[in-house]
Protein backbone atom coordinates (compact mmCIF):
# COMPACT_ATOMS: atom_id res chain seq x y z
CA MET A 1 0.00 0.00 0.00
CA THR A 2 1.27 3.51 -0.87
CA PHE A 3 -0.02 6.41 1.20
CA ALA A 4 -1.02 9.69 -0.44
CA ARG A 5 1.06 12.79 0.16
CA THR A 6 2.00 13.03 3.83
CA THR A 7 1.67 16.83 3.75
CA ASP A 8 -2.07 16.72 3.01
CA PRO A 9 -4.36 17.56 5.94
CA ILE A 10 -6.49 14.53 6.82
CA VAL A 11 -9.76 13.87 8.62
CA ALA A 12 -11.51 10.70 9.79
CA ILE A 13 -14.04 9.32 12.22
CA ALA A 14 -11.79 7.93 14.94
CA THR A 15 -14.32 5.78 16.78
CA ALA A 16 -15.92 2.48 15.84
CA SER A 17 -19.01 2.53 13.63
CA GLY A 18 -22.44 2.11 15.19
CA ARG A 19 -24.34 3.73 18.04
CA GLY A 20 -22.45 5.02 21.05
CA ALA A 21 -22.52 7.69 23.72
CA VAL A 22 -19.57 9.55 22.18
CA GLY A 23 -17.98 9.61 18.75
CA ILE A 24 -14.84 11.44 17.64
CA VAL A 25 -13.94 13.15 14.38
CA ARG A 26 -10.22 13.87 14.16
CA VAL A 27 -8.39 16.31 11.87
CA SER A 28 -4.60 16.52 11.49
CA GLY A 29 -2.59 19.01 9.43
CA ALA A 30 -0.93 22.40 9.46
CA ARG A 31 -2.61 25.70 10.31
CA LEU A 32 -6.05 24.48 11.34
CA ALA A 33 -7.20 27.83 12.81
CA PRO A 34 -9.46 28.78 9.83
CA LEU A 35 -11.16 25.39 9.97
CA VAL A 36 -11.60 25.68 13.75
CA ASP A 37 -13.24 29.08 13.26
CA ALA A 38 -15.66 27.71 10.65
CA LEU A 39 -16.69 24.67 12.73
CA CYS A 40 -16.62 26.14 16.22
CA GLY A 41 -17.20 29.85 15.62
CA ARG A 42 -14.37 30.84 17.94
CA PRO A 43 -10.68 30.14 18.67
CA LEU A 44 -9.87 27.30 21.04
CA LYS A 45 -7.40 27.28 23.91
CA PRO A 46 -4.68 24.64 23.40
CA ARG A 47 -5.40 21.25 25.02
CA GLU A 48 -8.54 22.56 26.74
CA ALA A 49 -11.92 20.92 26.11
CA THR A 50 -14.59 23.46 25.13
CA TYR A 51 -18.29 22.67 24.96
CA LEU A 52 -19.93 24.36 21.99
CA PRO A 53 -22.09 23.78 18.91
CA PHE A 54 -20.51 22.39 15.74
CA ARG A 55 -21.87 24.62 12.98
CA ASP A 56 -22.92 23.89 9.42
CA ALA A 57 -22.46 26.30 6.49
CA ALA A 58 -25.52 28.33 7.53
CA GLY A 59 -24.29 28.65 11.10
CA GLU A 60 -26.83 26.18 12.46
CA PRO A 61 -25.63 23.49 14.89
CA VAL A 62 -25.01 20.01 13.51
CA ASP A 63 -24.49 18.81 17.09
CA HIS A 64 -23.20 20.04 20.44
CA GLY A 65 -20.06 18.56 21.94
CA LEU A 66 -16.46 19.06 23.05
CA ALA A 67 -13.78 20.51 20.80
CA ILE A 68 -10.09 20.16 21.67
CA CYS A 69 -7.16 21.59 19.72
CA PHE A 70 -3.63 20.18 20.09
CA PRO A 71 -1.11 22.54 18.47
CA SER A 72 2.02 21.11 16.85
CA PRO A 73 4.26 19.50 17.99
CA HIS A 74 2.38 18.53 21.15
CA SER A 75 -0.09 16.14 19.56
CA PHE A 76 -0.35 12.48 18.64
CA THR A 77 0.70 13.05 15.03
CA GLY A 78 3.13 15.90 15.71
CA GLU A 79 0.94 18.18 13.55
CA ASP A 80 -1.92 20.47 14.59
CA VAL A 81 -4.78 18.17 15.62
CA LEU A 82 -8.47 19.01 16.14
CA GLU A 83 -10.79 16.55 17.87
CA LEU A 84 -14.56 16.99 17.78
CA GLN A 85 -16.26 14.82 20.40
CA ALA A 86 -19.92 14.52 19.46
CA HIS A 87 -22.78 12.12 20.12
CA GLY A 88 -21.90 8.71 18.78
CA GLY A 89 -24.61 8.20 16.17
CA THR A 90 -23.52 7.09 12.71
CA VAL A 91 -25.45 9.85 10.91
CA VAL A 92 -24.18 12.59 13.23
CA LEU A 93 -20.54 11.62 12.74
CA GLN A 94 -20.95 11.35 8.97
CA LEU A 95 -22.50 14.83 8.94
CA LEU A 96 -19.56 16.19 10.95
CA LEU A 97 -17.06 14.50 8.63
CA ALA A 98 -18.80 15.96 5.58
CA ARG A 99 -18.93 19.38 7.26
CA CYS A 100 -15.16 19.28 7.88
CA LEU A 101 -14.50 18.58 4.19
CA GLU A 102 -17.00 21.25 3.14
CA ALA A 103 -15.61 23.90 5.49
CA ALA A 104 -12.04 23.17 4.38
CA ALA A 105 -12.97 23.96 0.77
CA GLU A 106 -14.89 27.16 1.60
CA PRO A 107 -13.09 30.48 0.97
CA ASP A 108 -11.64 32.12 4.03
CA PRO A 109 -13.38 35.49 4.60
CA VAL A 110 -10.02 37.21 5.12
CA THR A 111 -7.78 35.69 2.45
CA GLY A 112 -10.39 34.43 0.00
CA ARG A 113 -8.50 31.15 -0.33
CA PRO A 114 -9.79 27.75 0.86
CA ARG A 115 -9.67 27.47 4.62
CA LEU A 116 -7.72 24.18 4.58
CA PRO A 117 -6.65 23.26 1.03
CA GLY A 118 -6.38 19.57 0.22
CA LEU A 119 -8.20 18.19 3.27
CA ARG A 120 -9.11 14.57 2.53
CA VAL A 121 -10.36 11.49 4.34
CA ALA A 122 -7.49 9.63 5.98
CA GLU A 123 -6.48 6.17 4.90
CA PRO A 124 -6.32 3.32 7.46
CA GLY A 125 -3.39 3.84 9.80
CA GLU A 126 -2.46 7.24 8.42
CA PHE A 127 -2.66 9.10 11.73
CA SER A 128 -0.26 6.60 13.31
CA GLN A 129 1.94 6.71 10.23
CA ARG A 130 2.30 10.46 10.62
CA ALA A 131 3.15 10.04 14.29
CA PHE A 132 5.91 7.67 13.19
CA LEU A 133 7.18 9.91 10.38
CA ASN A 134 7.18 12.93 12.68
CA GLY A 135 9.20 11.14 15.34
CA LYS A 136 6.45 10.89 17.96
CA ILE A 137 6.67 7.09 18.07
CA ASP A 138 8.91 4.47 16.48
CA LEU A 139 7.71 1.58 14.35
CA ALA A 140 7.50 -0.92 17.21
CA GLN A 141 5.34 1.51 19.20
CA ALA A 142 3.13 2.12 16.16
CA GLU A 143 2.52 -1.61 15.82
CA ALA A 144 1.75 -1.74 19.54
CA ILE A 145 -1.19 0.64 18.97
CA ALA A 146 -2.84 -1.88 16.66
CA ASP A 147 -1.92 -4.74 19.00
CA LEU A 148 -3.49 -2.94 21.97
CA ILE A 149 -6.71 -2.44 20.02
CA ASP A 150 -6.75 -6.10 18.90
CA ALA A 151 -5.66 -7.62 22.23
CA SER A 152 -7.84 -10.62 23.10
CA THR A 153 -6.59 -11.18 26.65
CA GLU A 154 -5.74 -8.99 29.64
CA ALA A 155 -2.12 -10.18 29.54
CA ALA A 156 -1.85 -9.25 25.85
CA ALA A 157 -3.36 -5.81 26.49
CA ARG A 158 -0.94 -5.10 29.35
CA SER A 159 2.01 -6.26 27.28
CA ALA A 160 0.91 -4.15 24.31
CA GLY A 161 0.66 -1.18 26.65
CA ARG A 162 4.26 -1.73 27.74
CA SER A 163 5.36 -1.85 24.10
CA LEU A 164 3.42 1.34 23.36
CA SER A 165 5.10 3.09 26.29
CA GLY A 166 8.47 2.24 24.71
CA ALA A 167 9.69 -0.65 26.89
CA PHE A 168 10.54 -2.86 23.90
CA SER A 169 12.01 0.04 21.93
CA ARG A 170 14.28 1.05 24.81
CA GLU A 171 15.77 -2.45 24.93
CA ILE A 172 16.35 -2.40 21.17
CA HIS A 173 17.96 1.03 21.41
CA ALA A 174 20.23 -0.17 24.22
CA LEU A 175 21.37 -3.09 22.03
CA ARG A 176 21.88 -0.76 19.09
CA ASP A 177 23.93 1.73 21.14
CA ALA A 178 26.22 -1.03 22.41
CA LEU A 179 26.56 -2.34 18.88
CA ILE A 180 27.40 1.10 17.51
CA HIS A 181 30.12 1.50 20.14
CA LEU A 182 31.62 -1.83 19.14
CA ARG A 183 31.42 -0.91 15.46
CA MET A 184 33.25 2.32 16.24
CA LEU A 185 36.14 0.38 17.78
CA VAL A 186 36.39 -1.96 14.81
CA GLU A 187 36.17 0.84 12.23
CA ALA A 188 38.86 2.76 14.09
CA THR A 189 41.04 -0.34 14.08
CA LEU A 190 40.65 -0.66 10.33
CA ASP A 191 41.97 2.89 9.96
CA PHE A 192 45.11 2.00 11.95
CA PRO A 193 46.00 -1.59 10.90
CA GLU A 194 49.38 -1.59 12.59
CA GLU A 195 47.66 -1.15 15.96
CA GLU A 196 44.69 -3.42 15.42
CA ILE A 197 45.40 -6.36 17.73
CA ASP A 198 46.53 -4.36 20.75
CA PHE A 199 43.80 -1.76 20.24
CA LEU A 200 40.97 -4.28 20.23
CA GLN A 201 42.43 -6.21 23.14
CA LYS A 202 42.81 -3.09 25.28
CA ALA A 203 39.24 -2.05 24.47
CA ASP A 204 38.06 -5.57 25.41
CA ALA A 205 36.16 -5.90 22.14
CA ALA A 206 35.66 -9.62 22.76
CA GLY A 207 34.15 -8.92 26.18
CA GLN A 208 31.88 -6.24 24.76
CA LEU A 209 30.67 -8.59 22.05
CA ALA A 210 30.01 -11.39 24.57
CA LYS A 211 28.03 -8.99 26.79
CA LEU A 212 26.06 -7.85 23.76
CA GLN A 213 25.18 -11.45 22.93
CA MET A 214 23.97 -12.02 26.49
CA GLN A 215 21.79 -8.90 26.36
CA LEU A 216 20.40 -10.03 23.03
CA ALA A 217 19.50 -13.46 24.42
CA ALA A 218 17.47 -11.84 27.23
CA VAL A 219 15.60 -9.60 24.78
CA GLN A 220 14.95 -12.57 22.48
CA GLN A 221 13.43 -14.58 25.32
CA ARG A 222 11.01 -11.79 26.26
CA ALA A 223 10.18 -11.07 22.61
CA LYS A 224 9.32 -14.73 21.99
CA GLN A 225 7.02 -14.68 25.02
CA GLY A 226 5.45 -11.47 23.73
CA ALA A 227 4.94 -12.94 20.27
CA LEU A 228 3.28 -15.95 21.87
CA LEU A 229 0.89 -13.66 23.75
CA ARG A 230 -0.01 -11.96 20.50
CA GLU A 231 -0.16 -14.88 18.09
CA GLY A 232 -0.83 -17.93 20.26
CA ILE A 233 -0.31 -21.38 18.76
CA LYS A 234 -2.43 -23.75 16.70
CA VAL A 235 -3.12 -27.04 18.49
CA VAL A 236 -4.73 -29.85 16.47
CA ILE A 237 -6.50 -32.79 18.13
CA ALA A 238 -5.93 -35.95 16.05
CA GLY A 239 -6.78 -39.59 16.49
CA GLN A 240 -9.06 -42.42 15.48
CA PRO A 241 -12.85 -42.00 15.29
CA ASN A 242 -14.72 -42.05 18.61
CA ALA A 243 -11.58 -41.46 20.69
CA GLY A 244 -13.24 -38.38 22.25
CA LYS A 245 -11.69 -35.57 20.20
CA SER A 246 -14.87 -33.48 20.17
CA SER A 247 -15.41 -34.09 23.87
CA LEU A 248 -11.85 -32.92 24.55
CA LEU A 249 -12.38 -29.72 22.54
CA ASN A 250 -15.57 -29.05 24.51
CA ALA A 251 -13.78 -29.72 27.81
CA LEU A 252 -10.91 -27.37 26.95
CA ALA A 253 -13.27 -24.64 25.72
CA GLY A 254 -15.75 -25.06 28.56
CA ALA A 255 -18.64 -25.08 26.08
CA GLU A 256 -20.52 -27.51 23.83
CA LEU A 257 -18.96 -26.47 20.53
CA ALA A 258 -18.71 -29.82 18.77
CA ILE A 259 -21.31 -32.56 18.42
CA VAL A 260 -20.52 -35.54 20.63
CA SER A 261 -21.90 -38.95 19.64
CA ALA A 262 -21.09 -42.61 20.16
CA VAL A 263 -21.40 -43.05 16.41
CA ALA A 264 -17.92 -43.21 14.88
CA GLY A 265 -17.24 -40.63 12.20
CA THR A 266 -19.69 -38.00 13.52
CA THR A 267 -17.15 -35.19 13.00
CA ARG A 268 -16.82 -34.68 9.26
CA ASP A 269 -15.37 -31.17 9.16
CA VAL A 270 -12.97 -29.00 11.10
CA VAL A 271 -14.23 -27.32 14.30
CA SER A 272 -11.96 -24.75 15.94
CA GLN A 273 -12.04 -22.56 19.02
CA THR A 274 -9.60 -20.13 20.60
CA ILE A 275 -9.11 -20.68 24.31
CA GLN A 276 -7.03 -18.78 26.82
CA ILE A 277 -4.69 -20.35 29.32
CA HIS A 278 -3.10 -17.82 31.69
CA GLY A 279 -3.71 -15.17 29.04
CA VAL A 280 -2.03 -17.12 26.23
CA PRO A 281 -4.35 -17.73 23.24
CA LEU A 282 -4.42 -21.29 21.90
CA HIS A 283 -6.30 -22.05 18.71
CA VAL A 284 -7.58 -25.61 19.26
CA VAL A 285 -8.81 -27.56 16.23
CA ASP A 286 -11.01 -30.69 16.35
CA THR A 287 -10.70 -32.87 13.25
CA ALA A 288 -12.38 -35.88 11.70
CA GLY A 289 -11.30 -39.30 12.92
CA LEU A 290 -8.35 -40.67 10.95
CA ARG A 291 -9.18 -43.97 9.27
CA GLU A 292 -9.70 -45.57 5.90
CA SER A 293 -13.29 -45.10 4.70
CA SER A 294 -15.41 -45.74 1.60
CA ASP A 295 -17.67 -42.81 2.53
CA GLU A 296 -16.80 -39.94 0.15
CA VAL A 297 -17.76 -37.22 2.65
CA GLU A 298 -15.72 -38.84 5.42
CA GLN A 299 -12.75 -39.12 3.05
CA ILE A 300 -12.92 -35.37 2.50
CA GLY A 301 -13.05 -34.85 6.28
CA VAL A 302 -9.98 -37.06 6.78
CA ALA A 303 -8.07 -35.18 4.07
CA ARG A 304 -8.94 -31.87 5.73
CA ALA A 305 -7.82 -33.28 9.07
CA TRP A 306 -4.38 -34.10 7.66
CA GLY A 307 -4.24 -30.61 6.14
CA GLN A 308 -4.86 -29.07 9.57
CA ILE A 309 -2.24 -31.35 11.13
CA GLU A 310 0.38 -30.25 8.61
CA GLY A 311 -0.17 -26.62 9.64
CA ALA A 312 -0.15 -27.27 13.40
CA ASP A 313 2.24 -25.84 15.95
CA ALA A 314 1.47 -28.79 18.25
CA VAL A 315 -0.59 -31.97 17.98
CA LEU A 316 -2.59 -33.80 20.65
CA PHE A 317 -2.62 -37.46 19.58
CA LEU A 318 -5.73 -38.77 21.33
CA HIS A 319 -6.03 -42.45 22.31
CA ASP A 320 -9.02 -44.35 23.67
CA LEU A 321 -8.12 -46.20 26.88
CA THR A 322 -11.14 -48.49 26.55
CA ARG A 323 -9.68 -49.87 23.29
CA ALA A 324 -5.97 -49.59 24.07
CA GLY A 325 -5.54 -53.36 24.48
CA GLN A 326 -7.12 -54.27 21.16
CA PRO A 327 -4.56 -55.31 18.49
CA ASP A 328 -6.47 -53.71 15.60
CA TYR A 329 -6.79 -50.44 17.49
CA ALA A 330 -3.09 -50.40 18.42
CA ALA A 331 -2.16 -51.11 14.79
CA ALA A 332 -4.32 -48.22 13.55
CA ASP A 333 -2.74 -45.88 16.14
CA ALA A 334 0.71 -46.95 14.96
CA GLU A 335 -0.29 -46.14 11.38
CA ILE A 336 -1.45 -42.67 12.42
CA LEU A 337 1.82 -42.12 14.30
CA ARG A 338 3.79 -42.97 11.16
CA GLY A 339 1.73 -40.42 9.26
CA LEU A 340 2.42 -37.78 11.89
CA GLN A 341 6.14 -38.47 11.77
CA GLN A 342 6.16 -38.20 7.98
CA LYS A 343 4.10 -35.00 7.72
CA LEU A 344 5.36 -33.03 10.71
CA PRO A 345 8.82 -31.47 11.18
CA ALA A 346 10.74 -32.53 14.26
CA SER A 347 10.15 -29.10 15.83
CA VAL A 348 6.38 -29.70 16.14
CA PRO A 349 5.64 -31.52 19.41
CA VAL A 350 3.18 -34.44 19.50
CA LEU A 351 1.64 -35.17 22.91
CA ASP A 352 -0.01 -38.53 23.59
CA VAL A 353 -3.31 -37.99 25.41
CA TRP A 354 -5.10 -41.06 26.83
CA ASN A 355 -8.82 -40.37 27.13
CA LYS A 356 -11.69 -42.09 29.02
CA GLN A 357 -9.71 -42.67 32.20
CA ASP A 358 -13.05 -42.71 34.00
CA ALA A 359 -13.90 -45.94 32.17
CA ALA A 360 -10.53 -47.69 31.94
CA PRO A 361 -7.15 -47.39 33.68
CA MET A 362 -3.87 -46.73 31.89
CA PRO A 363 -2.61 -50.21 30.83
CA ASP A 364 0.82 -51.36 31.96
CA THR A 365 1.84 -51.92 28.33
CA VAL A 366 1.56 -48.16 27.69
CA GLY A 367 3.68 -46.96 30.57
CA ALA A 368 2.53 -44.39 33.08
CA ALA A 369 5.19 -41.86 32.08
CA ARG A 370 4.02 -41.60 28.48
CA GLY A 371 1.67 -38.70 27.79
CA ILE A 372 -1.28 -37.58 29.88
CA ALA A 373 -4.25 -39.66 31.02
CA LEU A 374 -7.57 -37.84 31.45
CA SER A 375 -11.31 -37.98 31.10
CA ALA A 376 -12.85 -35.43 28.77
CA LYS A 377 -16.25 -36.51 30.09
CA THR A 378 -15.60 -35.82 33.80
CA GLY A 379 -12.83 -33.22 33.47
CA LEU A 380 -10.26 -35.37 35.25
CA GLY A 381 -6.77 -34.40 34.07
CA ILE A 382 -7.92 -31.43 31.95
CA GLU A 383 -6.05 -28.91 34.09
CA ALA A 384 -2.83 -30.93 33.76
CA LEU A 385 -3.34 -30.92 30.00
CA ARG A 386 -3.76 -27.14 30.02
CA GLU A 387 -0.44 -26.71 31.81
CA GLN A 388 1.20 -29.12 29.38
CA LEU A 389 -0.17 -27.14 26.45
CA LEU A 390 1.45 -23.99 27.85
CA ALA A 391 4.76 -25.83 28.14
CA MET A 392 4.41 -27.07 24.55
CA ALA A 393 3.75 -23.50 23.43
CA GLY A 394 7.00 -22.39 25.06
CA TRP A 395 5.38 -20.25 27.75
CA GLN A 396 7.50 -20.08 30.88
CA ALA A 397 5.73 -17.57 33.12
CA VAL A 398 3.70 -14.39 33.08
CA PRO A 399 6.46 -11.93 33.90
CA GLU A 400 5.43 -8.30 34.27
CA GLY A 401 8.29 -7.29 32.01
CA VAL A 402 6.93 -9.06 28.92
CA TYR A 403 6.09 -6.72 26.04
CA LEU A 404 4.01 -7.67 23.05
CA ALA A 405 6.12 -8.50 20.00
CA ARG A 406 5.46 -9.70 16.47
CA ALA A 407 6.85 -12.53 14.41
CA ARG A 408 8.92 -10.07 12.36
CA HIS A 409 10.54 -8.78 15.57
CA VAL A 410 11.52 -12.29 16.61
CA GLN A 411 12.89 -12.99 13.12
CA ALA A 412 14.91 -9.77 13.12
CA LEU A 413 16.41 -10.61 16.51
CA GLY A 414 17.26 -14.06 15.15
CA GLN A 415 19.18 -12.38 12.32
CA VAL A 416 21.04 -10.25 14.84
CA GLU A 417 21.99 -13.42 16.73
CA ILE A 418 23.38 -15.00 13.56
CA HIS A 419 25.41 -11.92 12.61
CA LEU A 420 26.84 -11.54 16.13
CA ALA A 421 27.84 -15.22 16.18
CA LEU A 422 29.67 -14.77 12.86
CA ALA A 423 31.24 -11.57 14.18
CA ALA A 424 32.55 -13.44 17.22
CA GLY A 425 34.24 -15.96 14.93
CA HIS A 426 35.84 -13.21 12.86
CA LEU A 427 37.00 -11.38 16.00
CA ALA A 428 38.73 -14.51 17.21
CA ALA A 429 40.72 -14.49 13.96
CA GLN A 430 41.50 -10.78 14.53
CA ALA A 431 43.76 -9.25 11.88
CA GLN A 432 42.85 -11.61 9.07
CA LEU A 433 39.07 -11.05 9.17
CA LEU A 434 38.45 -7.55 10.54
CA ASP A 435 36.70 -6.43 7.35
CA LEU A 436 34.24 -9.32 7.70
CA LEU A 437 33.82 -8.51 11.40
CA ALA A 438 32.87 -4.93 10.55
CA GLU A 439 30.38 -6.12 7.94
CA GLU A 440 28.65 -8.56 10.29
CA LEU A 441 28.29 -5.85 12.93
CA ARG A 442 26.79 -3.52 10.30
CA LEU A 443 24.29 -6.18 9.25
CA ALA A 444 23.38 -6.82 12.89
CA GLN A 445 22.65 -3.13 13.37
CA ASN A 446 20.54 -3.06 10.22
CA ALA A 447 18.43 -5.93 11.57
CA LEU A 448 17.87 -4.03 14.83
CA ASN A 449 16.92 -0.90 12.92
CA GLU A 450 14.21 -2.82 11.07
CA ILE A 451 12.40 -3.35 14.37
CA THR A 452 12.10 0.32 15.33
CA GLY A 453 11.98 1.65 11.78
CA GLU A 454 15.19 3.66 11.93
CA PHE A 455 15.16 2.85 8.25
CA GLY A 456 12.93 0.52 6.29
CA ALA A 457 11.37 -0.18 2.94
CA ASP A 458 8.24 1.79 2.06
CA ASP A 459 6.35 -1.41 1.31
CA LEU A 460 6.99 -2.66 4.88
CA LEU A 461 5.57 0.57 6.32
CA GLY A 462 2.60 0.36 3.98
CA VAL A 463 1.74 -3.19 5.03
CA ILE A 464 1.99 -2.34 8.73
CA PHE A 465 -0.08 0.86 8.73
CA SER A 466 -2.67 -0.30 6.19
CA ARG A 467 -3.91 -2.89 8.72
CA PHE A 468 -4.84 -0.18 11.21
CA CYS A 469 -8.41 1.06 11.52
CA ILE A 470 -9.38 4.40 10.00
CA GLY A 471 -8.85 7.21 12.48
CA LYS A 472 -5.68 5.59 13.89
């Protein structure tokens, strides 16, 4: 997505559509005083809410509400900003939006020129984009605005708030500053090759690099936890028909989402539900029972089940304890396990879950240490499964210091880790590989800069801000 000219004044309804007690129309641009005069009939004191009528072209009130003016640079966007807080009806806000555009095009009684030339409706995310371009927030903070709006759990909302306040950005800046200092030492060494070994040793370049790697590891750990809070993981329940997959989904969700029947093959399609465990979202998917079938519809369901399994972050392989001792059943389970091993990478965990413990004990041939035994019907063992799911997701705790992060942040930090590891190898070789050392440090800094947007491709910025709602 390519934004229109960033110098154009913009206007948008900044609250969600529909009925509400209050709705906001927001304007951002330069020199808004003529527009303020046309809409409000008087100047406004900076950052002071004033109750007054919002006037149409004939001077009649469109609505009564609060008007607040935030002069540049002390505003969200860094430009002059006008907020009109009116009643939250859809028609009222549309009338105010239209009036802003109309008043902007009207000739100013003093100059005869349009009051606010070029005022247009903002594109999604354009207010936040201007805040970023004007240095009010960095890119990670801008993304945190959208994450805070979209947060589905209290933990995610709190973590997004920490990112918006700059907690994540400050850690990235600290890494970058230490990296810049190390780059300065190496670049200086390259300018004086006859001194290079002693100079780097005296400056403890190796120690600085090792400390930087330790700091990076700590940031990576928190970022991965933050990404987990934002994204969650996809957990697929797989197994033979009538093993209790639908009952397990219902037990985990705490609601009757899937049809439960003693008839094998009842589930023909995918049923999914997002649950929360300690604030971490898990997208749990119930699938059709895996077996050979002559039923065309069931075959489609089985194919879809394998498709879901291939895209899983973790798999719950469900077994029926009441049939565990039957040779045919054990052979079919073994066949499913071979399919899982073939279709899943080694990084995707598969947890054996033994269901119907209320009706049959765990047999000695299975081994008590293998997997989790539970009863989806009575709820026995469900809490232990929840904790195991968190462990499979990689969640370690709910530390107050976790900030919300995105997959691209984690990937960028992974690139930094790779470049610093290569830099450490080049530093060990000292004189022979200092040029390569300098290059790896430069690439590591570039990867850090991508997180906060110190520089970045226009298409990356477009993708990020275009996903915002209009008015943000």
